[in-house]
C-alpha atoms as a PDB file:
ATOM      1  CA  MET A   1      97.347 108.858 129.778  1.00  0.00           C
ATOM      2  CA  VAL A   2      94.157 106.930 130.361  1.00  0.00           C
ATOM      3  CA  SER A   3      93.066 105.477 133.662  1.00  0.00           C
ATOM      4  CA  PHE A   4      89.938 103.685 134.797  1.00  0.00           C
ATOM      5  CA  ARG A   5      88.783 101.649 137.730  1.00  0.00           C
ATOM      6  CA  LEU A   6      88.274  97.906 137.716  1.00  0.00           C
ATOM      7  CA  SER A   7      86.727  95.625 140.249  1.00  0.00           C
ATOM      8  CA  GLU A   8      89.078  93.168 141.895  1.00  0.00           C
ATOM      9  CA  ASP A   9      87.663  90.349 139.745  1.00  0.00           C
ATOM     10  CA  GLU A  10      88.025  92.418 136.550  1.00  0.00           C
ATOM     11  CA  TYR A  11      91.623  93.270 137.407  1.00  0.00           C
ATOM     12  CA  GLU A  12      92.474  89.623 138.111  1.00  0.00           C
ATOM     13  CA  ARG A  13      90.929  88.599 134.790  1.00  0.00           C
ATOM     14  CA  LEU A  14      92.874  91.307 132.961  1.00  0.00           C
ATOM     15  CA  LYS A  15      96.063  90.256 134.711  1.00  0.00           C
ATOM     16  CA  ASP A  16      95.483  86.607 133.749  1.00  0.00           C
ATOM     17  CA  LEU A  17      94.831  87.583 130.123  1.00  0.00           C
ATOM     18  CA  SER A  18      97.988  89.676 130.004  1.00  0.00           C
ATOM     19  CA  LEU A  19     100.030  86.752 131.362  1.00  0.00           C
ATOM     20  CA  MET A  20      98.518  84.397 128.772  1.00  0.00           C
ATOM     21  CA  GLU A  21      99.497  86.866 126.023  1.00  0.00           C
ATOM     22  CA  CYS A  22     103.033  87.187 127.487  1.00  0.00           C
ATOM     23  CA  ALA A  23     102.646  90.940 127.914  1.00  0.00           C
ATOM     24  CA  ARG A  24     105.250  92.655 130.086  1.00  0.00           C
ATOM     25  CA  SER A  25     102.524  94.340 132.117  1.00  0.00           C
ATOM     26  CA  VAL A  26      98.784  94.785 132.406  1.00  0.00           C
ATOM     27  CA  SER A  27      99.214  98.280 130.920  1.00  0.00           C
ATOM     28  CA  GLU A  28     101.062  96.932 127.881  1.00  0.00           C
ATOM     29  CA  PHE A  29      98.358  94.332 127.338  1.00  0.00           C
ATOM     30  CA  ALA A  30      95.564  96.914 127.657  1.00  0.00           C
ATOM     31  CA  ARG A  31      97.307  99.264 125.205  1.00  0.00           C
ATOM     32  CA  ALA A  32      97.822  96.474 122.655  1.00  0.00           C
ATOM     33  CA  ALA A  33      94.183  95.398 123.005  1.00  0.00           C
ATOM     34  CA  LEU A  34      92.948  98.961 122.460  1.00  0.00           C
ATOM     35  CA  CYS A  35      95.101  99.368 119.359  1.00  0.00           C
ATOM     36  CA  LYS A  36      93.417  96.308 117.862  1.00  0.00           C
ATOM     37  CA  LEU A  37      89.913  97.776 118.189  1.00  0.00           C
ATOM     38  CA  PRO A  38      88.127  98.609 114.926  1.00  0.00           C
ATOM     39  CA  ASN A  39      88.456 102.222 113.763  1.00  0.00           C
ATOM     40  CA  GLY A  40      84.946 102.420 112.311  1.00  0.00           C
ATOM     41  CA  ASN A  41      85.884 101.002 108.913  1.00  0.00           C
ATOM     42  CA  GLY A  42      86.290  97.421 110.024  1.00  0.00           C
ATOM     43  CA  ASP A  43      90.075  97.811 110.246  1.00  0.00           C
ATOM     44  CA  SER A  44      92.047  98.072 113.435  1.00  0.00           C
ATOM     45  CA  VAL A  45      93.933 101.276 114.037  1.00  0.00           C
ATOM     46  CA  THR A  46      97.239  99.482 113.512  1.00  0.00           C
ATOM     47  CA  THR A  47      96.266  97.774 110.240  1.00  0.00           C
ATOM     48  CA  ALA A  48      94.439 100.613 108.473  1.00  0.00           C
ATOM     49  CA  ALA A  49      97.522 102.685 107.569  1.00  0.00           C
ATOM     50  CA  PRO A  50      99.485  99.925 105.803  1.00  0.00           C
ATOM     51  CA  ARG A  51      96.372  98.874 103.865  1.00  0.00           C
ATOM     52  CA  MET A  52      95.776 102.481 102.818  1.00  0.00           C
ATOM     53  CA  GLU A  53      99.387 102.814 101.621  1.00  0.00           C
ATOM     54  CA  LYS A  54      98.994  99.603  99.618  1.00  0.00           C
ATOM     55  CA  LEU A  55      95.784 100.918  98.052  1.00  0.00           C
ATOM     56  CA  GLU A  56      97.436 104.238  97.160  1.00  0.00           C
ATOM     57  CA  GLY A  57     100.292 102.327  95.515  1.00  0.00           C
ATOM     58  CA  ALA A  58      97.823 100.304  93.464  1.00  0.00           C
ATOM     59  CA  VAL A  59      96.094 103.487  92.300  1.00  0.00           C
ATOM     60  CA  ARG A  60      99.445 104.982  91.267  1.00  0.00           C
ATOM     61  CA  GLN A  61     100.237 101.793  89.325  1.00  0.00           C
ATOM     62  CA  LEU A  62      96.863 101.912  87.566  1.00  0.00           C
ATOM     63  CA  LYS A  63      97.441 105.549  86.570  1.00  0.00           C
ATOM     64  CA  LEU A  64     100.813 104.606  85.097  1.00  0.00           C
ATOM     65  CA  GLU A  65      99.327 101.676  83.190  1.00  0.00           C
ATOM     66  CA  MET A  66      96.478 103.851  81.863  1.00  0.00           C
ATOM     67  CA  ARG A  67      99.014 106.421  80.637  1.00  0.00           C
ATOM     68  CA  GLN A  68     100.984 103.666  78.903  1.00  0.00           C
ATOM     69  CA  LEU A  69      97.793 102.274  77.360  1.00  0.00           C
ATOM     70  CA  ARG A  70      96.842 105.710  76.059  1.00  0.00           C
ATOM     71  CA  GLN A  71     100.293 106.134  74.502  1.00  0.00           C
ATOM     72  CA  LEU A  72      99.983 102.724  72.867  1.00  0.00           C
ATOM     73  CA  VAL A  73      96.532 103.503  71.449  1.00  0.00           C
ATOM     74  CA  GLU A  74      97.716 106.880  70.154  1.00  0.00           C
ATOM     75  CA  ALA A  75     100.832 105.324  68.623  1.00  0.00           C
ATOM     76  CA  THR A  76      98.832 102.695  66.721  1.00  0.00           C
ATOM     77  CA  MET A  77      95.669 104.640  65.841  1.00  0.00           C
ATOM     78  CA  GLY A  78      96.750 108.265  65.998  1.00  0.00           C
ATOM     79  CA  PRO A  79      95.870 110.900  68.595  1.00  0.00           C
ATOM     80  CA  ALA A  80      92.396 111.726  67.230  1.00  0.00           C
ATOM     81  CA  THR A  81      91.318 108.093  66.986  1.00  0.00           C
ATOM     82  CA  GLY A  82      92.984 107.311  70.310  1.00  0.00           C
ATOM     83  CA  ASP A  83      90.990 110.053  72.030  1.00  0.00           C
ATOM     84  CA  LYS A  84      87.744 108.621  70.650  1.00  0.00           C
ATOM     85  CA  GLU A  85      88.637 105.125  71.788  1.00  0.00           C
ATOM     86  CA  ILE A  86      89.591 106.364  75.259  1.00  0.00           C
ATOM     87  CA  ALA A  87      86.362 108.384  75.525  1.00  0.00           C
ATOM     88  CA  SER A  88      84.428 105.253  74.559  1.00  0.00           C
ATOM     89  CA  LEU A  89      86.272 103.206  77.210  1.00  0.00           C
ATOM     90  CA  GLN A  90      85.591 105.875  79.834  1.00  0.00           C
ATOM     91  CA  GLU A  91      81.862 105.870  79.014  1.00  0.00           C
ATOM     92  CA  ASN A  92      81.724 102.093  79.282  1.00  0.00           C
ATOM     93  CA  ASN A  93      83.422 102.170  82.698  1.00  0.00           C
ATOM     94  CA  GLN A  94      80.970 104.639  84.256  1.00  0.00           C
END
Protein backbone atom coordinates (compact mmCIF):
# COMPACT_ATOMS: atom_id res chain seq x y z
CA MET A 1 0.00 0.00 0.00
CA VAL A 2 1.22 3.47 -0.85
CA SER A 3 -0.19 6.67 0.54
CA PHE A 4 0.79 10.30 0.18
CA ARG A 5 -0.67 13.68 0.91
CA LEU A 6 -2.03 16.07 -1.68
CA SER A 7 -3.12 19.64 -1.41
CA GLU A 8 -6.80 20.28 -1.96
CA ASP A 9 -6.05 21.67 -5.44
CA GLU A 10 -3.86 18.66 -6.32
CA TYR A 11 -6.56 16.25 -5.18
CA GLU A 12 -9.24 18.05 -7.21
CA ARG A 13 -7.00 17.94 -10.29
CA LEU A 14 -6.34 14.23 -9.77
CA LYS A 15 -10.04 13.60 -9.29
CA ASP A 16 -10.86 15.49 -12.50
CA LEU A 17 -8.22 13.54 -14.43
CA SER A 18 -9.56 10.24 -13.12
CA LEU A 19 -13.09 11.19 -14.20
CA MET A 20 -11.85 12.16 -17.68
CA GLU A 21 -10.14 8.76 -17.97
CA CYS A 22 -13.33 6.99 -16.76
CA ALA A 23 -11.48 5.40 -13.84
CA ARG A 24 -13.65 3.84 -11.14
CA SER A 25 -11.77 5.76 -8.45
CA VAL A 26 -8.89 8.13 -7.87
CA SER A 27 -6.88 5.17 -6.53
CA GLU A 28 -7.48 3.13 -9.69
CA PHE A 29 -6.41 6.07 -11.83
CA ALA A 30 -3.26 6.66 -9.76
CA ARG A 31 -2.32 2.97 -9.94
CA ALA A 32 -2.82 2.86 -13.72
CA ALA A 33 -0.75 6.04 -14.14
CA LEU A 34 2.09 4.61 -12.05
CA CYS A 35 2.12 1.38 -14.04
CA LYS A 36 2.65 3.42 -17.21
CA LEU A 37 5.81 5.09 -15.89
CA PRO A 38 9.07 4.15 -17.64
CA ASN A 39 11.06 1.35 -15.98
CA GLY A 40 14.46 2.82 -16.83
CA ASN A 41 14.68 1.25 -20.28
CA GLY A 42 12.18 3.51 -21.97
CA ASP A 43 9.42 0.91 -21.60
CA SER A 44 6.57 1.09 -19.16
CA VAL A 45 6.38 -1.61 -16.54
CA THR A 46 3.30 -3.08 -18.22
CA THR A 47 4.76 -3.16 -21.75
CA ALA A 48 8.29 -4.42 -21.03
CA ALA A 49 7.37 -8.06 -20.30
CA PRO A 50 5.43 -8.74 -23.52
CA ARG A 51 8.18 -7.09 -25.59
CA MET A 52 10.80 -9.22 -23.84
CA GLU A 53 8.81 -12.40 -24.54
CA LYS A 54 8.54 -11.40 -28.20
CA LEU A 55 12.30 -10.80 -28.36
CA GLU A 56 13.03 -14.17 -26.74
CA GLY A 57 10.76 -15.85 -29.30
CA ALA A 58 12.63 -14.15 -32.13
CA VAL A 59 15.95 -15.35 -30.74
CA ARG A 60 14.62 -18.92 -30.51
CA GLN A 61 13.45 -18.68 -34.13
CA LEU A 62 16.86 -17.41 -35.26
CA LYS A 63 18.59 -20.30 -33.47
CA LEU A 64 16.31 -22.76 -35.25
CA GLU A 65 16.94 -21.14 -38.62
CA MET A 66 20.72 -21.13 -38.02
CA ARG A 67 20.59 -24.85 -37.18
CA GLN A 68 18.64 -25.52 -40.37
CA LEU A 69 21.10 -23.43 -42.39
CA ARG A 70 24.03 -25.36 -40.93
CA GLN A 71 22.37 -28.67 -41.83
CA LEU A 72 21.77 -27.42 -45.36
CA VAL A 73 25.38 -26.29 -45.78
CA GLU A 74 26.68 -29.59 -44.40
CA ALA A 75 24.33 -31.58 -46.64
CA THR A 76 25.49 -29.78 -49.79
CA MET A 77 29.19 -29.21 -49.02
CA GLY A 78 30.00 -31.84 -46.42
CA PRO A 79 30.67 -31.38 -42.71
CA ALA A 80 34.30 -30.24 -43.06
CA THR A 81 33.53 -27.65 -45.73
CA GLY A 82 30.36 -26.62 -43.90
CA ASP A 83 32.33 -25.94 -40.73
CA LYS A 84 34.74 -23.71 -42.65
CA GLU A 85 31.91 -21.79 -44.27
CA ILE A 86 30.15 -21.33 -40.92
CA ALA A 87 33.39 -20.17 -39.27
CA SER A 88 33.83 -17.67 -42.10
CA LEU A 89 30.25 -16.41 -41.64
CA GLN A 90 30.78 -16.09 -37.89
CA GLU A 91 33.96 -14.04 -38.41
CA ASN A 92 32.17 -11.73 -40.83
CA ASN A 93 29.33 -11.15 -38.34
CA GLN A 94 31.60 -10.09 -35.47
